[in-house]
C-alpha cells in the first residue's frame, strides 16, 4: 500500500488550500464522516456542538495565523465542505485528546549516523481508520519555501520537512494542566515549524504560541541540531540529544508530576537502546529494523514500537477500531531532503522514497 500524493504549487494560502481540497475531496469527506461517527459514539457529542467548539479557536488564530485560516477556507472551498467542518479536522487533537498512546519519535545527529547526515522520523500511531483518510503533500509556496508532509486530508500538517532542512514530528502528551479552552492548535504550531528557515525560528514560534493542551514537538535541522519540546499550557521544556540520539514517546521526561499518560514509560527507552547499538554507524536500513520492533508487544500495554490491532483472543476490552495501531512509519534524511515512508506497519509493508 502507498499513500496518495498531492502536489500543490501556489503563491497564496487560499489557492494552496483550493488545490488541496480539490485533489483530496474524497479523503476529506471520508475523514469527516469517520469523525462524526467517533464523536457521536465515543464522546456522546452531536456534530453541531463539535463544530461550535472548533469555531471557538478562530478568534485567537485571527491574530497571528490568519494566513493559515485562509488556507483552511481554501481547502473548504476546493472540497465543497463547510469551513466549520474543516476547523474540526484541524483542531481534532484539542477536541478529542485521544486516550491512546500515540507515536514514537526519534532524531539522529551526524555524530551518530554512518553518512554524517541528520535524520528525524517516527512511527505514527492512532486509530486505524485514519490511514484511509491520510495523504502526502508536496507543496511549493512559490516564495522560496517547499515542503513535504504527511497529514490527514484537510489538515494543515501532521509531520514533515522543508527545503531549508527543517523538520518536525510529534507525540501526544496528557497533563494535569490541559484546559478545555481555546489556544493555538497543534496543527498550526506544526505548520509554522514546517515553513521555518532555521531551527531557532521554529522553536521560537512554539515558545510564543498561547497553549491550552499538552503536546510533544521534536524538531531538527540539516545543520546537525535537534530539540524536543515538551509543551503544556504552563511551560515549555526542552530536551536535547545524548550521544547524537534523541527519542520520545507519550510520557513527560521533564515535569513528570503533571503527566497523565497511561502505560509504562517504555517505547522511547526501547528505541534509544536499539539505536545506540549502532551509534556512529546508524543508517536508514538499521533505523527501519528498529521501527519494526515488537518487543513487549502485549496488546494491552501500548508498548511495542510497531503496533498492531489485537487479534482474536487478544481482546483489550475495547472495539478494535478504536485501538492504537501504526498508521505510517517515516524517516527523513534532512541533508538529502528525502523521505522514506511506509504505509501501515513497517514489519509488513515497504518504504517508498520521496524527494523534494
Protein backbone atom coordinates (compact mmCIF):
# COMPACT_ATOMS: atom_id res chain seq x y z
CA UNK A 1 0.00 0.00 0.00
CA UNK A 2 1.06 3.60 -0.58
CA UNK A 3 -0.46 6.92 0.42
CA UNK A 4 -1.94 9.25 -2.17
CA UNK A 5 0.48 12.06 -3.09
CA UNK A 6 -0.92 15.55 -3.77
CA UNK A 7 1.31 18.19 -5.38
CA UNK A 8 0.48 21.84 -4.70
CA UNK A 9 2.02 24.96 -6.23
CA UNK A 10 0.54 28.39 -5.49
CA UNK A 11 1.59 31.77 -4.15
CA UNK A 12 -1.38 32.46 -1.85
CA UNK A 13 -2.64 30.45 1.12
CA UNK A 14 -6.18 30.36 -0.25
CA UNK A 15 -5.13 28.95 -3.62
CA UNK A 16 -2.93 26.35 -1.95
CA UNK A 17 -5.95 25.32 0.07
CA UNK A 18 -8.18 25.12 -3.02
CA UNK A 19 -5.69 22.80 -4.73
CA UNK A 20 -5.54 20.62 -1.60
CA UNK A 21 -9.33 20.47 -1.32
CA UNK A 22 -9.92 19.66 -4.99
CA UNK A 23 -7.32 16.88 -5.06
CA UNK A 24 -8.37 15.26 -1.78
CA UNK A 25 -12.14 15.78 -1.74
CA UNK A 26 -12.98 12.08 -1.34
CA UNK A 27 -10.48 11.59 1.51
CA UNK A 28 -11.68 14.73 3.29
CA UNK A 29 -15.31 13.60 3.12
CA UNK A 30 -14.31 10.16 4.37
CA UNK A 31 -12.39 11.64 7.31
CA UNK A 32 -15.25 13.93 8.33
CA UNK A 33 -17.71 11.02 8.23
CA UNK A 34 -15.44 8.96 10.49
CA UNK A 35 -15.05 11.83 12.97
CA UNK A 36 -18.81 12.35 13.07
CA UNK A 37 -19.21 8.69 14.00
CA UNK A 38 -16.42 8.87 16.58
CA UNK A 39 -17.70 11.99 18.34
CA UNK A 40 -21.21 10.58 18.50
CA UNK A 41 -20.12 7.13 19.70
CA UNK A 42 -17.16 7.85 21.97
CA UNK A 43 -17.82 11.39 23.13
CA UNK A 44 -21.65 11.44 23.06
CA UNK A 45 -21.37 14.83 21.34
CA UNK A 46 -23.61 15.96 18.47
CA UNK A 47 -21.74 17.26 15.43
CA UNK A 48 -23.30 20.72 15.78
CA UNK A 49 -21.70 21.08 19.23
CA UNK A 50 -18.35 19.82 17.95
CA UNK A 51 -18.37 22.40 15.14
CA UNK A 52 -19.24 25.15 17.59
CA UNK A 53 -16.30 24.22 19.85
CA UNK A 54 -13.93 24.13 16.86
CA UNK A 55 -15.01 27.62 15.81
CA UNK A 56 -14.09 28.83 19.30
CA UNK A 57 -10.43 28.66 18.22
CA UNK A 58 -10.91 31.16 15.38
CA UNK A 59 -10.59 34.44 17.35
CA UNK A 60 -7.16 33.57 18.78
CA UNK A 61 -6.00 32.36 15.35
CA UNK A 62 -7.13 35.50 13.56
CA UNK A 63 -4.47 37.48 15.46
CA UNK A 64 -1.37 35.51 14.42
CA UNK A 65 -2.44 32.77 11.99
CA UNK A 66 -4.82 34.46 9.56
CA UNK A 67 -2.83 33.11 6.61
CA UNK A 68 -3.41 29.54 7.77
CA UNK A 69 -7.11 30.22 8.35
CA UNK A 70 -7.24 31.43 4.74
CA UNK A 71 -5.68 28.15 3.63
CA UNK A 72 -8.33 26.21 5.55
CA UNK A 73 -11.01 28.33 3.89
CA UNK A 74 -9.43 27.38 0.57
CA UNK A 75 -9.49 23.67 1.43
CA UNK A 76 -13.17 24.04 2.32
CA UNK A 77 -13.90 25.84 -0.95
CA UNK A 78 -11.94 23.36 -3.06
CA UNK A 79 -13.56 20.31 -1.48
CA UNK A 80 -17.08 21.72 -1.15
CA UNK A 81 -17.01 21.15 2.62
CA UNK A 82 -18.14 23.66 5.27
CA UNK A 83 -15.40 25.76 6.90
CA UNK A 84 -16.74 24.65 10.30
CA UNK A 85 -16.09 21.00 9.38
CA UNK A 86 -12.56 21.89 8.27
CA UNK A 87 -11.94 23.56 11.61
CA UNK A 88 -12.96 20.34 13.36
CA UNK A 89 -10.36 18.43 11.34
CA UNK A 90 -7.70 20.98 12.22
CA UNK A 91 -8.49 21.06 15.94
CA UNK A 92 -9.33 17.39 16.47
CA UNK A 93 -6.27 16.91 18.74
CA UNK A 94 -7.56 19.57 21.12
CA UNK A 95 -11.20 18.48 20.87
CA UNK A 96 -10.59 14.79 21.47
CA UNK A 97 -7.24 14.28 23.20
CA UNK A 98 -7.46 10.61 22.21
CA UNK A 99 -6.90 8.45 25.33
CA UNK A 100 -4.47 6.17 23.45
CA UNK A 101 -0.68 6.14 23.29
CA UNK A 102 0.23 7.92 20.08
CA UNK A 103 3.59 7.83 18.24
CA UNK A 104 7.28 7.12 18.84
CA UNK A 105 9.73 9.73 17.52
CA UNK A 106 13.49 9.98 17.08
CA UNK A 107 16.32 12.23 15.91
CA UNK A 108 19.81 11.11 14.89
CA UNK A 109 22.60 13.69 14.55
CA UNK A 110 25.66 13.43 12.24
CA UNK A 111 27.91 12.10 15.02
CA UNK A 112 25.68 9.03 15.35
CA UNK A 113 24.93 8.33 11.66
CA UNK A 114 27.02 6.39 9.15
CA UNK A 115 27.00 9.11 6.46
CA UNK A 116 27.11 12.05 8.90
CA UNK A 117 23.60 13.13 7.92
CA UNK A 118 20.82 14.29 10.27
CA UNK A 119 17.71 12.10 10.46
CA UNK A 120 14.30 12.71 12.01
CA UNK A 121 11.36 10.33 11.98
CA UNK A 122 8.64 8.40 13.72
CA UNK A 123 6.10 5.63 13.81
CA UNK A 124 2.73 7.40 13.69
CA UNK A 125 0.20 5.51 15.83
CA UNK A 126 -3.50 6.22 16.14
CA UNK A 127 -6.87 4.65 15.38
CA UNK A 128 -6.55 2.55 12.23
CA UNK A 129 -9.23 4.27 10.17
CA UNK A 130 -7.10 7.44 10.00
CA UNK A 131 -4.84 5.70 7.50
CA UNK A 132 -7.68 5.58 4.97
CA UNK A 133 -8.13 9.38 5.05
CA UNK A 134 -4.45 10.41 5.14
CA UNK A 135 -2.14 11.53 2.34
CA UNK A 136 1.24 13.03 1.47
CA UNK A 137 1.61 16.65 0.36
CA UNK A 138 4.43 18.13 -1.74
CA UNK A 139 3.98 21.91 -1.60
CA UNK A 140 5.73 24.80 -3.34
CA UNK A 141 4.69 28.15 -1.86
CA UNK A 142 6.48 29.99 -4.73
CA UNK A 143 8.29 32.16 -2.17
CA UNK A 144 11.41 30.05 -1.76
CA UNK A 145 9.83 27.51 0.63
CA UNK A 146 8.90 23.98 -0.39
CA UNK A 147 7.93 21.14 1.92
CA UNK A 148 6.90 17.51 2.08
CA UNK A 149 4.50 16.34 4.76
CA UNK A 150 2.08 13.67 5.87
CA UNK A 151 -1.35 14.74 7.04
CA UNK A 152 -4.92 13.70 7.45
CA UNK A 153 -6.68 15.02 4.37
CA UNK A 154 -7.91 18.55 5.05
CA UNK A 155 -5.44 19.23 7.85
CA UNK A 156 -2.60 21.73 7.52
CA UNK A 157 0.06 19.18 8.53
CA UNK A 158 0.98 16.36 10.87
CA UNK A 159 4.73 15.98 10.26
CA UNK A 160 7.27 16.66 7.52
CA UNK A 161 10.36 18.54 6.36
CA UNK A 162 11.19 21.51 4.12
CA UNK A 163 13.83 22.55 1.60
CA UNK A 164 15.57 24.63 4.27
CA UNK A 165 16.38 21.38 6.06
CA UNK A 166 13.95 21.92 8.97
CA UNK A 167 11.63 19.08 10.04
CA UNK A 168 9.06 18.24 12.72
CA UNK A 169 7.49 15.09 14.18
CA UNK A 170 5.15 14.86 17.15
CA UNK A 171 3.73 12.82 20.04
CA UNK A 172 0.57 13.02 22.10
CA UNK A 173 1.02 14.14 25.73
CA UNK A 174 -1.54 14.41 28.53
CA UNK A 175 -1.00 16.64 31.56
CA UNK A 176 -2.91 17.81 34.60
CA UNK A 177 -2.70 21.34 33.17
CA UNK A 178 -4.69 20.63 30.00
CA UNK A 179 -7.63 23.01 29.65
CA UNK A 180 -10.88 22.83 27.75
CA UNK A 181 -10.47 26.29 26.26
CA UNK A 182 -9.05 27.79 23.05
CA UNK A 183 -5.32 28.08 22.49
CA UNK A 184 -3.18 27.74 19.36
CA UNK A 185 -3.98 24.25 17.96
CA UNK A 186 -1.02 21.94 17.48
CA UNK A 187 -1.66 21.70 13.71
CA UNK A 188 -0.95 25.42 13.45
CA UNK A 189 2.22 25.17 15.56
CA UNK A 190 3.49 22.29 13.43
CA UNK A 191 2.80 24.19 10.25
CA UNK A 192 4.79 27.20 11.47
CA UNK A 193 7.72 24.89 12.14
CA UNK A 194 7.44 23.41 8.65
CA UNK A 195 7.75 26.82 6.99
CA UNK A 196 10.62 28.00 9.23
CA UNK A 197 14.02 28.60 7.67
CA UNK A 198 16.03 27.74 10.78
CA UNK A 199 15.62 25.54 13.83
CA UNK A 200 15.74 28.57 16.13
CA UNK A 201 12.91 30.23 14.19
CA UNK A 202 10.90 27.02 14.53
CA UNK A 203 11.46 26.76 18.27
CA UNK A 204 10.63 30.42 18.81
CA UNK A 205 7.31 30.05 17.01
CA UNK A 206 6.30 27.38 19.54
CA UNK A 207 7.55 29.36 22.54
CA UNK A 208 5.39 32.32 21.52
CA UNK A 209 2.17 30.36 20.95
CA UNK A 210 -0.55 30.50 23.67
CA UNK A 211 -1.39 26.89 24.50
CA UNK A 212 -4.36 25.12 26.08
CA UNK A 213 -3.27 21.46 25.89
CA UNK A 214 -0.06 19.45 26.06
CA UNK A 215 1.83 18.00 23.13
CA UNK A 216 5.35 16.98 22.22
CA UNK A 217 7.13 18.51 19.22
CA UNK A 218 10.51 17.20 18.07
CA UNK A 219 12.29 19.36 15.50
CA UNK A 220 15.65 19.07 13.75
CA UNK A 221 17.65 20.78 11.02
CA UNK A 222 20.21 19.75 8.42
CA UNK A 223 22.74 21.85 10.33
CA UNK A 224 23.04 18.88 12.68
CA UNK A 225 20.83 20.08 15.52
CA UNK A 226 17.70 18.67 17.16
CA UNK A 227 15.45 19.61 20.07
CA UNK A 228 12.43 18.03 21.70
CA UNK A 229 9.83 20.40 23.13
CA UNK A 230 7.51 19.08 25.83
CA UNK A 231 4.71 21.61 25.67
CA UNK A 232 1.98 22.15 28.23
CA UNK A 233 -0.26 25.16 28.94
CA UNK A 234 2.06 26.42 31.68
CA UNK A 235 5.58 25.90 30.32
CA UNK A 236 7.76 24.54 27.54
CA UNK A 237 10.66 22.25 28.46
CA UNK A 238 13.42 21.29 26.04
CA UNK A 239 15.32 18.01 25.69
CA UNK A 240 18.48 17.53 23.63
CA UNK A 241 20.23 14.50 22.10
CA UNK A 242 22.58 12.36 24.14
CA UNK A 243 25.44 11.00 22.07
CA UNK A 244 23.70 12.19 18.92
CA UNK A 245 20.44 10.28 19.61
CA UNK A 246 17.09 11.60 20.85
CA UNK A 247 13.86 9.61 21.31
CA UNK A 248 10.41 10.35 22.72
CA UNK A 249 7.02 8.70 23.16
CA UNK A 250 3.98 9.63 25.27
CA UNK A 251 5.34 10.49 28.70
CA UNK A 252 6.86 13.67 30.07
CA UNK A 253 10.61 13.25 30.59
CA UNK A 254 10.54 16.57 32.47
CA UNK A 255 7.84 17.78 34.86
CA UNK A 256 6.83 14.16 35.42
CA UNK A 257 4.50 15.13 38.25
CA UNK A 258 1.99 16.56 35.74
CA UNK A 259 1.98 13.55 33.37
CA UNK A 260 -1.38 11.79 32.87
CA UNK A 261 -0.33 9.32 30.15
CA UNK A 262 -1.22 5.69 30.82
CA UNK A 263 1.04 2.67 30.46
CA UNK A 264 4.73 2.24 31.13
CA UNK A 265 7.39 4.68 30.05
CA UNK A 266 8.95 2.23 27.63
CA UNK A 267 8.88 2.84 23.84
CA UNK A 268 11.24 5.82 23.83
CA UNK A 269 13.68 3.99 26.12
CA UNK A 270 13.46 0.86 23.97
CA UNK A 271 14.06 2.77 20.72
CA UNK A 272 17.02 4.61 22.24
CA UNK A 273 18.59 1.33 23.40
CA UNK A 274 18.19 -0.16 19.91
CA UNK A 275 19.66 2.84 18.10
CA UNK A 276 22.64 3.25 20.42
CA UNK A 277 23.84 -0.25 19.50
CA UNK A 278 24.98 1.23 16.18
CA UNK A 279 25.93 4.72 17.36
CA UNK A 280 28.28 6.20 14.76
CA UNK A 281 27.13 3.83 12.01
CA UNK A 282 23.34 4.23 12.02
CA UNK A 283 21.85 4.14 8.50
CA UNK A 284 18.26 4.08 7.17
CA UNK A 285 18.23 0.27 6.87
CA UNK A 286 19.07 -0.09 10.56
CA UNK A 287 16.51 2.57 11.53
CA UNK A 288 13.77 0.66 9.70
CA UNK A 289 14.73 -2.50 11.60
CA UNK A 290 14.38 -0.61 14.88
CA UNK A 291 10.97 0.76 13.88
CA UNK A 292 9.74 -2.81 13.25
CA UNK A 293 10.41 -3.79 16.86
CA UNK A 294 7.69 -5.79 18.65
CA UNK A 295 9.37 -6.33 21.99
CA UNK A 296 6.82 -6.18 24.83
CA UNK A 297 4.04 -6.42 22.26
CA UNK A 298 1.28 -7.03 24.81
CA UNK A 299 -1.86 -5.58 23.13
CA UNK A 300 -2.93 -4.06 26.43
CA UNK A 301 0.40 -2.33 27.11
CA UNK A 302 0.75 0.11 24.16
CA UNK A 303 4.48 -0.51 24.49
CA UNK A 304 5.52 -2.05 21.14
CA UNK A 305 7.23 0.37 18.77
CA UNK A 306 5.44 -1.32 15.83
CA UNK A 307 1.81 -1.59 16.95
CA UNK A 308 -0.86 -3.96 15.64
CA UNK A 309 -4.60 -4.28 16.14
CA UNK A 310 -5.17 -7.11 18.65
CA UNK A 311 -6.00 -10.43 17.03
CA UNK A 312 -8.86 -12.72 18.05
CA UNK A 313 -8.30 -13.95 21.58
CA UNK A 314 -6.23 -10.88 22.49
CA UNK A 315 -9.10 -8.56 23.40
CA UNK A 316 -8.14 -5.50 25.39
CA UNK A 317 -11.72 -4.72 26.30
CA UNK A 318 -12.46 -2.27 23.51
CA UNK A 319 -13.54 -2.11 19.89
CA UNK A 320 -10.54 -2.98 17.63
CA UNK A 321 -11.47 0.04 15.50
CA UNK A 322 -10.57 2.26 18.45
CA UNK A 323 -7.24 0.57 19.23
CA UNK A 324 -3.90 2.24 18.59
CA UNK A 325 -2.08 0.88 15.54
CA UNK A 326 0.89 2.05 13.47
CA UNK A 327 -0.59 4.02 10.59
CA UNK A 328 2.69 5.02 8.97
CA UNK A 329 6.45 4.88 9.52
CA UNK A 330 8.65 7.73 8.30
CA UNK A 331 12.37 8.55 8.11
CA UNK A 332 13.52 12.00 6.94
CA UNK A 333 17.09 12.49 5.68
CA UNK A 334 17.43 16.24 6.16
CA UNK A 335 20.73 16.56 4.28
CA UNK A 336 19.45 14.72 1.20
CA UNK A 337 15.94 16.26 1.55
CA UNK A 338 14.48 12.78 1.19
CA UNK A 339 11.77 10.82 2.98
CA UNK A 340 11.19 7.11 3.37
CA UNK A 341 7.51 6.41 4.09
CA UNK A 342 5.82 3.09 4.83
CA UNK A 343 2.03 2.89 4.74
CA UNK A 344 0.91 0.82 7.71
CA UNK A 345 3.09 -1.40 9.87
CA UNK A 346 6.76 -1.32 8.82
CA UNK A 347 7.16 -5.02 9.64
CA UNK A 348 4.73 -5.99 6.87
CA UNK A 349 4.99 -3.05 4.48
CA UNK A 350 7.75 -1.45 2.42
CA UNK A 351 9.23 2.04 2.40
CA UNK A 352 8.85 4.34 -0.60
CA UNK A 353 11.36 7.13 -1.22
CA UNK A 354 10.12 10.70 -1.83
CA UNK A 355 12.29 13.73 -2.61
CA UNK A 356 11.85 17.48 -2.73
